[in-house]
PDB file of all heavy atoms in Angstrom:
ATOM      1  N   ILE A   1       0.860  -1.184   0.000  1.00  0.00           N
ATOM      2  CA  ILE A   1       0.000   0.000   0.000  1.00  0.00           C
ATOM      3  C   ILE A   1       0.899   1.238   0.000  1.00  0.00           C
ATOM      4  O   ILE A   1       1.565   1.532   0.999  1.00  0.00           O
ATOM      5  CB  ILE A   1      -0.929   0.023   1.224  1.00  0.00           C
ATOM      6  CG1 ILE A   1      -1.790  -1.237   1.295  1.00  0.00           C
ATOM      7  CG2 ILE A   1      -1.808   1.286   1.211  1.00  0.00           C
ATOM      8  CD1 ILE A   1      -2.806  -1.369   0.215  1.00  0.00           C
ATOM      9  N   GLN A   2       0.941   1.955  -1.116  1.00  0.00           N
ATOM     10  CA  GLN A   2       1.818   3.113  -1.231  1.00  0.00           C
ATOM     11  C   GLN A   2       1.073   4.449  -1.256  1.00  0.00           C
ATOM     12  O   GLN A   2       1.711   5.502  -1.209  1.00  0.00           O
ATOM     13  CB  GLN A   2       2.679   2.977  -2.500  1.00  0.00           C
ATOM     14  CG  GLN A   2       3.626   1.787  -2.459  1.00  0.00           C
ATOM     15  CD  GLN A   2       4.486   1.673  -3.699  1.00  0.00           C
ATOM     16  OE1 GLN A   2       3.991   1.860  -4.829  1.00  0.00           O
ATOM     17  NE2 GLN A   2       5.751   1.378  -3.508  1.00  0.00           N
ATOM     18  N   SER A   3      -0.243   4.402  -1.335  1.00  0.00           N
ATOM     19  CA  SER A   3      -1.027   5.631  -1.425  1.00  0.00           C
ATOM     20  C   SER A   3      -2.451   5.366  -0.966  1.00  0.00           C
ATOM     21  O   SER A   3      -2.867   4.204  -0.805  1.00  0.00           O
ATOM     22  CB  SER A   3      -1.051   6.146  -2.872  1.00  0.00           C
ATOM     23  OG  SER A   3      -1.752   5.226  -3.707  1.00  0.00           O
ATOM     24  N   ASP A   4      -3.219   6.451  -0.794  1.00  0.00           N
ATOM     25  CA  ASP A   4      -4.621   6.246  -0.431  1.00  0.00           C
ATOM     26  C   ASP A   4      -5.405   5.614  -1.583  1.00  0.00           C
ATOM     27  O   ASP A   4      -6.380   4.906  -1.358  1.00  0.00           O
ATOM     28  CB  ASP A   4      -5.290   7.541   0.055  1.00  0.00           C
ATOM     29  CG  ASP A   4      -5.023   8.749  -0.814  1.00  0.00           C
ATOM     30  OD1 ASP A   4      -4.981   8.618  -2.045  1.00  0.00           O
ATOM     31  OD2 ASP A   4      -4.863   9.850  -0.253  1.00  0.00           O
ATOM     32  N   GLU A   5      -4.962   5.842  -2.815  1.00  0.00           N
ATOM     33  CA  GLU A   5      -5.615   5.173  -3.942  1.00  0.00           C
ATOM     34  C   GLU A   5      -5.381   3.665  -3.887  1.00  0.00           C
ATOM     35  O   GLU A   5      -6.301   2.878  -4.159  1.00  0.00           O
ATOM     36  CB  GLU A   5      -5.121   5.738  -5.270  1.00  0.00           C
ATOM     37  CG  GLU A   5      -5.881   5.198  -6.472  1.00  0.00           C
ATOM     38  CD  GLU A   5      -5.602   5.958  -7.750  1.00  0.00           C
ATOM     39  OE1 GLU A   5      -4.699   6.817  -7.761  1.00  0.00           O
ATOM     40  OE2 GLU A   5      -6.310   5.691  -8.749  1.00  0.00           O
ATOM     41  N   ASP A   6      -4.163   3.251  -3.520  1.00  0.00           N
ATOM     42  CA  ASP A   6      -3.902   1.819  -3.337  1.00  0.00           C
ATOM     43  C   ASP A   6      -4.799   1.250  -2.248  1.00  0.00           C
ATOM     44  O   ASP A   6      -5.310   0.128  -2.363  1.00  0.00           O
ATOM     45  CB  ASP A   6      -2.444   1.593  -2.938  1.00  0.00           C
ATOM     46  CG  ASP A   6      -1.465   1.827  -4.075  1.00  0.00           C
ATOM     47  OD1 ASP A   6      -1.906   1.884  -5.244  1.00  0.00           O
ATOM     48  OD2 ASP A   6      -0.259   1.943  -3.789  1.00  0.00           O
ATOM     49  N   PHE A   7      -4.996   2.037  -1.176  1.00  0.00           N
ATOM     50  CA  PHE A   7      -5.793   1.542  -0.058  1.00  0.00           C
ATOM     51  C   PHE A   7      -7.247   1.318  -0.454  1.00  0.00           C
ATOM     52  O   PHE A   7      -7.823   0.264  -0.154  1.00  0.00           O
ATOM     53  CB  PHE A   7      -5.714   2.518   1.122  1.00  0.00           C
ATOM     54  CG  PHE A   7      -6.470   2.054   2.329  1.00  0.00           C
ATOM     55  CD1 PHE A   7      -5.994   1.020   3.123  1.00  0.00           C
ATOM     56  CD2 PHE A   7      -7.682   2.648   2.682  1.00  0.00           C
ATOM     57  CE1 PHE A   7      -6.706   0.582   4.247  1.00  0.00           C
ATOM     58  CE2 PHE A   7      -8.398   2.220   3.790  1.00  0.00           C
ATOM     59  CZ  PHE A   7      -7.904   1.183   4.571  1.00  0.00           C
ATOM     60  N   VAL A   8      -7.863   2.288  -1.150  1.00  0.00           N
ATOM     61  CA  VAL A   8      -9.266   2.104  -1.533  1.00  0.00           C
ATOM     62  C   VAL A   8      -9.410   1.019  -2.599  1.00  0.00           C
ATOM     63  O   VAL A   8     -10.434   0.328  -2.651  1.00  0.00           O
ATOM     64  CB  VAL A   8      -9.931   3.425  -1.993  1.00  0.00           C
ATOM     65  CG1 VAL A   8      -9.942   4.444  -0.865  1.00  0.00           C
ATOM     66  CG2 VAL A   8      -9.272   3.983  -3.232  1.00  0.00           C
ATOM     67  N   THR A   9      -8.394   0.848  -3.436  1.00  0.00           N
ATOM     68  CA  THR A   9      -8.415  -0.253  -4.405  1.00  0.00           C
ATOM     69  C   THR A   9      -8.402  -1.592  -3.672  1.00  0.00           C
ATOM     70  O   THR A   9      -9.120  -2.532  -4.035  1.00  0.00           O
ATOM     71  CB  THR A   9      -7.218  -0.165  -5.358  1.00  0.00           C
ATOM     72  OG1 THR A   9      -7.288   1.065  -6.083  1.00  0.00           O
ATOM     73  CG2 THR A   9      -7.197  -1.327  -6.343  1.00  0.00           C
ATOM     74  N   TYR A  10      -7.599  -1.666  -2.624  1.00  0.00           N
ATOM     75  CA  TYR A  10      -7.537  -2.868  -1.784  1.00  0.00           C
ATOM     76  C   TYR A  10      -8.894  -3.140  -1.131  1.00  0.00           C
ATOM     77  O   TYR A  10      -9.364  -4.287  -1.105  1.00  0.00           O
ATOM     78  CB  TYR A  10      -6.437  -2.675  -0.736  1.00  0.00           C
ATOM     79  CG  TYR A  10      -6.423  -3.666   0.392  1.00  0.00           C
ATOM     80  CD1 TYR A  10      -6.346  -5.042   0.169  1.00  0.00           C
ATOM     81  CD2 TYR A  10      -6.465  -3.224   1.722  1.00  0.00           C
ATOM     82  CE1 TYR A  10      -6.311  -5.947   1.230  1.00  0.00           C
ATOM     83  CE2 TYR A  10      -6.438  -4.104   2.787  1.00  0.00           C
ATOM     84  CZ  TYR A  10      -6.365  -5.473   2.535  1.00  0.00           C
ATOM     85  OH  TYR A  10      -6.338  -6.364   3.573  1.00  0.00           O
ATOM     86  N   LEU A  11      -9.546  -2.104  -0.620  1.00  0.00           N
ATOM     87  CA  LEU A  11     -10.868  -2.296  -0.015  1.00  0.00           C
ATOM     88  C   LEU A  11     -11.876  -2.818  -1.032  1.00  0.00           C
ATOM     89  O   LEU A  11     -12.691  -3.700  -0.727  1.00  0.00           O
ATOM     90  CB  LEU A  11     -11.380  -0.975   0.582  1.00  0.00           C
ATOM     91  CG  LEU A  11     -10.670  -0.410   1.802  1.00  0.00           C
ATOM     92  CD1 LEU A  11     -11.363   0.866   2.260  1.00  0.00           C
ATOM     93  CD2 LEU A  11     -10.626  -1.421   2.944  1.00  0.00           C
ATOM     94  N   LEU A  12     -11.834  -2.268  -2.239  1.00  0.00           N
ATOM     95  CA  LEU A  12     -12.794  -2.673  -3.260  1.00  0.00           C
ATOM     96  C   LEU A  12     -12.526  -4.093  -3.741  1.00  0.00           C
ATOM     97  O   LEU A  12     -13.444  -4.919  -3.811  1.00  0.00           O
ATOM     98  CB  LEU A  12     -12.745  -1.696  -4.442  1.00  0.00           C
ATOM     99  CG  LEU A  12     -13.707  -1.979  -5.594  1.00  0.00           C
ATOM    100  CD1 LEU A  12     -15.155  -1.994  -5.112  1.00  0.00           C
ATOM    101  CD2 LEU A  12     -13.540  -0.944  -6.701  1.00  0.00           C
ATOM    102  N   GLU A  13     -11.279  -4.383  -4.072  1.00  0.00           N
ATOM    103  CA  GLU A  13     -10.951  -5.698  -4.622  1.00  0.00           C
ATOM    104  C   GLU A  13     -10.975  -6.792  -3.566  1.00  0.00           C
ATOM    105  O   GLU A  13     -11.374  -7.927  -3.847  1.00  0.00           O
ATOM    106  CB  GLU A  13      -9.577  -5.652  -5.289  1.00  0.00           C
ATOM    107  CG  GLU A  13      -9.538  -4.747  -6.513  1.00  0.00           C
ATOM    108  CD  GLU A  13      -8.161  -4.678  -7.157  1.00  0.00           C
ATOM    109  OE1 GLU A  13      -7.188  -5.166  -6.527  1.00  0.00           O
ATOM    110  OE2 GLU A  13      -8.059  -4.138  -8.273  1.00  0.00           O
ATOM    111  N   GLY A  14     -10.564  -6.450  -2.347  1.00  0.00           N
ATOM    112  CA  GLY A  14     -10.458  -7.466  -1.317  1.00  0.00           C
ATOM    113  C   GLY A  14     -11.719  -7.684  -0.516  1.00  0.00           C
ATOM    114  O   GLY A  14     -12.024  -8.812  -0.116  1.00  0.00           O
ATOM    115  N   GLU A  15     -12.481  -6.594  -0.282  1.00  0.00           N
ATOM    116  CA  GLU A  15     -13.641  -6.701   0.601  1.00  0.00           C
ATOM    117  C   GLU A  15     -14.939  -6.211  -0.022  1.00  0.00           C
ATOM    118  O   GLU A  15     -15.990  -6.272   0.604  1.00  0.00           O
ATOM    119  CB  GLU A  15     -13.388  -5.915   1.896  1.00  0.00           C
ATOM    120  CG  GLU A  15     -12.316  -6.529   2.790  1.00  0.00           C
ATOM    121  CD  GLU A  15     -12.780  -7.825   3.468  1.00  0.00           C
ATOM    122  OE1 GLU A  15     -13.984  -8.169   3.351  1.00  0.00           O
ATOM    123  OE2 GLU A  15     -11.957  -8.472   4.113  1.00  0.00           O
ATOM    124  N   GLY A  16     -14.883  -5.684  -1.241  1.00  0.00           N
ATOM    125  CA  GLY A  16     -16.104  -5.227  -1.890  1.00  0.00           C
ATOM    126  C   GLY A  16     -16.680  -3.972  -1.277  1.00  0.00           C
ATOM    127  O   GLY A  16     -17.900  -3.798  -1.230  1.00  0.00           O
ATOM    128  N   VAL A  17     -15.815  -3.072  -0.781  1.00  0.00           N
ATOM    129  CA  VAL A  17     -16.249  -1.792  -0.238  1.00  0.00           C
ATOM    130  C   VAL A  17     -15.715  -0.686  -1.143  1.00  0.00           C
ATOM    131  O   VAL A  17     -14.499  -0.575  -1.346  1.00  0.00           O
ATOM    132  CB  VAL A  17     -15.736  -1.573   1.202  1.00  0.00           C
ATOM    133  CG1 VAL A  17     -16.117  -0.175   1.688  1.00  0.00           C
ATOM    134  CG2 VAL A  17     -16.302  -2.631   2.135  1.00  0.00           C
ATOM    135  N   ALA A  18     -16.616   0.109  -1.704  1.00  0.00           N
ATOM    136  CA  ALA A  18     -16.230   1.163  -2.645  1.00  0.00           C
ATOM    137  C   ALA A  18     -16.217   2.505  -1.938  1.00  0.00           C
ATOM    138  O   ALA A  18     -17.258   2.986  -1.468  1.00  0.00           O
ATOM    139  CB  ALA A  18     -17.190   1.199  -3.837  1.00  0.00           C
ATOM    140  N   ALA A  19     -15.025   3.117  -1.837  1.00  0.00           N
ATOM    141  CA  ALA A  19     -14.859   4.457  -1.285  1.00  0.00           C
ATOM    142  C   ALA A  19     -14.030   5.262  -2.282  1.00  0.00           C
ATOM    143  O   ALA A  19     -13.588   4.741  -3.307  1.00  0.00           O
ATOM    144  CB  ALA A  19     -14.180   4.393   0.079  1.00  0.00           C
ATOM    145  N   VAL A  20     -13.789   6.550  -1.983  1.00  0.00           N
ATOM    146  CA  VAL A  20     -13.054   7.420  -2.904  1.00  0.00           C
ATOM    147  C   VAL A  20     -11.755   7.858  -2.231  1.00  0.00           C
ATOM    148  O   VAL A  20     -11.764   8.288  -1.074  1.00  0.00           O
ATOM    149  CB  VAL A  20     -13.877   8.663  -3.305  1.00  0.00           C
ATOM    150  CG1 VAL A  20     -13.145   9.447  -4.395  1.00  0.00           C
ATOM    151  CG2 VAL A  20     -15.265   8.253  -3.788  1.00  0.00           C
ATOM    152  N   HIS A  21     -10.653   7.744  -2.959  1.00  0.00           N
ATOM    153  CA  HIS A  21      -9.344   8.075  -2.399  1.00  0.00           C
ATOM    154  C   HIS A  21      -9.174   9.576  -2.184  1.00  0.00           C
ATOM    155  O   HIS A  21      -9.702  10.399  -2.931  1.00  0.00           O
ATOM    156  CB  HIS A  21      -8.222   7.544  -3.296  1.00  0.00           C
ATOM    157  CG  HIS A  21      -8.253   8.054  -4.698  1.00  0.00           C
ATOM    158  ND1 HIS A  21      -9.228   7.694  -5.596  1.00  0.00           N
ATOM    159  CD2 HIS A  21      -7.415   8.895  -5.360  1.00  0.00           C
ATOM    160  CE1 HIS A  21      -8.999   8.300  -6.754  1.00  0.00           C
ATOM    161  NE2 HIS A  21      -7.911   9.036  -6.629  1.00  0.00           N
ATOM    162  N   GLY A  22      -8.397   9.940  -1.190  1.00  0.00           N
ATOM    163  CA  GLY A  22      -8.241  11.331  -0.812  1.00  0.00           C
ATOM    164  C   GLY A  22      -7.540  12.191  -1.837  1.00  0.00           C
ATOM    165  O   GLY A  22      -7.796  13.403  -1.921  1.00  0.00           O
ATOM    166  N   ALA A  23      -6.642  11.611  -2.635  1.00  0.00           N
ATOM    167  CA  ALA A  23      -5.938  12.401  -3.645  1.00  0.00           C
ATOM    168  C   ALA A  23      -6.911  13.071  -4.600  1.00  0.00           C
ATOM    169  O   ALA A  23      -6.636  14.158  -5.123  1.00  0.00           O
ATOM    170  CB  ALA A  23      -4.954  11.523  -4.419  1.00  0.00           C
ATOM    171  N   ALA A  24      -8.072  12.461  -4.832  1.00  0.00           N
ATOM    172  CA  ALA A  24      -9.083  13.053  -5.713  1.00  0.00           C
ATOM    173  C   ALA A  24      -9.616  14.358  -5.153  1.00  0.00           C
ATOM    174  O   ALA A  24     -10.076  15.222  -5.908  1.00  0.00           O
ATOM    175  CB  ALA A  24     -10.236  12.069  -5.915  1.00  0.00           C
ATOM    176  N   PHE A  25      -9.525  14.522  -3.822  1.00  0.00           N
ATOM    177  CA  PHE A  25     -10.035  15.720  -3.161  1.00  0.00           C
ATOM    178  C   PHE A  25      -8.912  16.678  -2.770  1.00  0.00           C
ATOM    179  O   PHE A  25      -9.152  17.679  -2.091  1.00  0.00           O
ATOM    180  CB  PHE A  25     -10.822  15.334  -1.912  1.00  0.00           C
ATOM    181  CG  PHE A  25     -11.964  14.377  -2.174  1.00  0.00           C
ATOM    182  CD1 PHE A  25     -11.832  13.028  -1.880  1.00  0.00           C
ATOM    183  CD2 PHE A  25     -13.150  14.819  -2.723  1.00  0.00           C
ATOM    184  CE1 PHE A  25     -12.874  12.141  -2.116  1.00  0.00           C
ATOM    185  CE2 PHE A  25     -14.199  13.941  -2.963  1.00  0.00           C
ATOM    186  CZ  PHE A  25     -14.063  12.599  -2.668  1.00  0.00           C
ATOM    187  N   GLY A  26      -7.689  16.346  -3.175  1.00  0.00           N
ATOM    188  CA  GLY A  26      -6.581  17.269  -2.980  1.00  0.00           C
ATOM    189  C   GLY A  26      -5.818  17.144  -1.691  1.00  0.00           C
ATOM    190  O   GLY A  26      -4.940  17.966  -1.416  1.00  0.00           O
ATOM    191  N   LEU A  27      -6.121  16.131  -0.860  1.00  0.00           N
ATOM    192  CA  LEU A  27      -5.385  15.965   0.395  1.00  0.00           C
ATOM    193  C   LEU A  27      -5.261  14.483   0.733  1.00  0.00           C
ATOM    194  O   LEU A  27      -6.262  13.795   0.903  1.00  0.00           O
ATOM    195  CB  LEU A  27      -6.078  16.706   1.539  1.00  0.00           C
ATOM    196  CG  LEU A  27      -5.254  16.855   2.825  1.00  0.00           C
ATOM    197  CD1 LEU A  27      -4.090  17.830   2.600  1.00  0.00           C
ATOM    198  CD2 LEU A  27      -6.112  17.362   3.985  1.00  0.00           C
ATOM    199  N   SER A  28      -4.027  14.018   0.826  1.00  0.00           N
ATOM    200  CA  SER A  28      -3.724  12.624   1.150  1.00  0.00           C
ATOM    201  C   SER A  28      -2.952  12.574   2.476  1.00  0.00           C
ATOM    202  O   SER A  28      -2.410  13.582   2.929  1.00  0.00           O
ATOM    203  CB  SER A  28      -2.861  12.020   0.035  1.00  0.00           C
ATOM    204  OG  SER A  28      -3.566  11.938  -1.174  1.00  0.00           O
ATOM    205  N   PRO A  29      -2.874  11.375   3.125  1.00  0.00           N
ATOM    206  CA  PRO A  29      -3.493  10.100   2.752  1.00  0.00           C
ATOM    207  C   PRO A  29      -4.821   9.888   3.493  1.00  0.00           C
ATOM    208  O   PRO A  29      -4.841   9.492   4.651  1.00  0.00           O
ATOM    209  CB  PRO A  29      -2.445   9.082   3.207  1.00  0.00           C
ATOM    210  CG  PRO A  29      -1.826   9.727   4.430  1.00  0.00           C
ATOM    211  CD  PRO A  29      -1.940  11.226   4.246  1.00  0.00           C
TER     212      PRO A  29
END
């Protein structure tokens, strides 16, 4: 896991939970 986008991808692929990564909103992680 190198970024918040990696983290939300992990949630979606691993557990079926869809959220939006913080980089899309201009502040990470």
